[in-house]
Amino acid sequence: MRFAVREGGKTVGSGVVTEILA
């Protein structure tokens, strides 16, 4: 489950940072 939103190039999630930057 990927709960991360790319904002300004930063990955922000619910306390968990997931690598979705391919």
PDB file of N, CA and C in Angstrom:
ATOM      1  N   MET A   1       0.842  -1.202   0.000  1.00  0.00           N
ATOM      2  CA  MET A   1       0.000   0.000   0.000  1.00  0.00           C
ATOM      3  C   MET A   1       0.874   1.248   0.000  1.00  0.00           C
ATOM      4  N   ARG A   2       0.662   2.069  -1.001  1.00  0.00           N
ATOM      5  CA  ARG A   2       1.476   3.285  -1.100  1.00  0.00           C
ATOM      6  C   ARG A   2       0.659   4.502  -0.684  1.00  0.00           C
ATOM      7  N   PHE A   3       0.913   4.965   0.544  1.00  0.00           N
ATOM      8  CA  PHE A   3       0.190   6.141   1.042  1.00  0.00           C
ATOM      9  C   PHE A   3       1.149   7.320   1.104  1.00  0.00           C
ATOM     10  N   ALA A   4       1.656   7.706  -0.034  1.00  0.00           N
ATOM     11  CA  ALA A   4       2.603   8.810  -0.063  1.00  0.00           C
ATOM     12  C   ALA A   4       2.208   9.802  -1.144  1.00  0.00           C
ATOM     13  N   VAL A   5       2.343  11.071  -0.848  1.00  0.00           N
ATOM     14  CA  VAL A   5       1.984  12.112  -1.804  1.00  0.00           C
ATOM     15  C   VAL A   5       3.229  12.927  -2.138  1.00  0.00           C
ATOM     16  N   ARG A   6       3.501  13.049  -3.426  1.00  0.00           N
ATOM     17  CA  ARG A   6       4.682  13.803  -3.849  1.00  0.00           C
ATOM     18  C   ARG A   6       4.377  15.296  -3.825  1.00  0.00           C
ATOM     19  N   GLU A   7       5.068  16.000  -2.941  1.00  0.00           N
ATOM     20  CA  GLU A   7       4.829  17.435  -2.834  1.00  0.00           C
ATOM     21  C   GLU A   7       6.155  18.179  -2.946  1.00  0.00           C
ATOM     22  N   GLY A   8       6.348  18.838  -4.058  1.00  0.00           N
ATOM     23  CA  GLY A   8       7.572  19.605  -4.262  1.00  0.00           C
ATOM     24  C   GLY A   8       8.787  18.698  -4.415  1.00  0.00           C
ATOM     25  N   GLY A   9       8.547  17.425  -4.687  1.00  0.00           N
ATOM     26  CA  GLY A   9       9.648  16.484  -4.854  1.00  0.00           C
ATOM     27  C   GLY A   9       9.927  15.716  -3.579  1.00  0.00           C
ATOM     28  N   LYS A  10       9.104  15.960  -2.555  1.00  0.00           N
ATOM     29  CA  LYS A  10       9.285  15.250  -1.286  1.00  0.00           C
ATOM     30  C   LYS A  10       8.157  14.255  -1.088  1.00  0.00           C
ATOM     31  N   THR A  11       8.523  13.101  -0.543  1.00  0.00           N
ATOM     32  CA  THR A  11       7.519  12.063  -0.331  1.00  0.00           C
ATOM     33  C   THR A  11       7.004  12.132   1.098  1.00  0.00           C
ATOM     34  N   VAL A  12       5.743  12.505   1.237  1.00  0.00           N
ATOM     35  CA  VAL A  12       5.164  12.633   2.566  1.00  0.00           C
ATOM     36  C   VAL A  12       4.000  11.662   2.711  1.00  0.00           C
ATOM     37  N   GLY A  13       4.068  10.820   3.738  1.00  0.00           N
ATOM     38  CA  GLY A  13       2.990   9.847   3.944  1.00  0.00           C
ATOM     39  C   GLY A  13       2.528   9.905   5.380  1.00  0.00           C
ATOM     40  N   SER A  14       1.730   8.924   5.769  1.00  0.00           N
ATOM     41  CA  SER A  14       1.204   8.893   7.131  1.00  0.00           C
ATOM     42  C   SER A  14       2.264   8.336   8.076  1.00  0.00           C
ATOM     43  N   GLY A  15       3.304   9.116   8.295  1.00  0.00           N
ATOM     44  CA  GLY A  15       4.379   8.673   9.185  1.00  0.00           C
ATOM     45  C   GLY A  15       5.310   7.692   8.501  1.00  0.00           C
ATOM     46  N   VAL A  16       4.908   7.199   7.341  1.00  0.00           N
ATOM     47  CA  VAL A  16       5.729   6.235   6.621  1.00  0.00           C
ATOM     48  C   VAL A  16       6.079   6.797   5.246  1.00  0.00           C
ATOM     49  N   VAL A  17       7.367   6.805   4.960  1.00  0.00           N
ATOM     50  CA  VAL A  17       7.817   7.335   3.675  1.00  0.00           C
ATOM     51  C   VAL A  17       8.077   6.175   2.721  1.00  0.00           C
ATOM     52  N   THR A  18       7.325   6.156   1.628  1.00  0.00           N
ATOM     53  CA  THR A  18       7.469   5.072   0.658  1.00  0.00           C
ATOM     54  C   THR A  18       8.183   5.572  -0.584  1.00  0.00           C
ATOM     55  N   GLU A  19       8.993   4.719  -1.158  1.00  0.00           N
ATOM     56  CA  GLU A  19       9.728   5.107  -2.355  1.00  0.00           C
ATOM     57  C   GLU A  19       8.852   4.931  -3.586  1.00  0.00           C
ATOM     58  N   ILE A  20       8.307   6.032  -4.084  1.00  0.00           N
ATOM     59  CA  ILE A  20       7.481   5.956  -5.281  1.00  0.00           C
ATOM     60  C   ILE A  20       8.095   6.793  -6.389  1.00  0.00           C
ATOM     61  N   LEU A  21       9.321   7.256  -6.128  1.00  0.00           N
ATOM     62  CA  LEU A  21      10.013   8.083  -7.116  1.00  0.00           C
ATOM     63  C   LEU A  21      10.834   7.177  -8.018  1.00  0.00           C
ATOM     64  N   ALA A  22      10.267   6.825  -9.166  1.00  0.00           N
ATOM     65  CA  ALA A  22      10.957   5.936 -10.081  1.00  0.00           C
ATOM     66  C   ALA A  22      11.726   6.764 -11.108  1.00  0.00           C
TER      67      ALA A  22
END
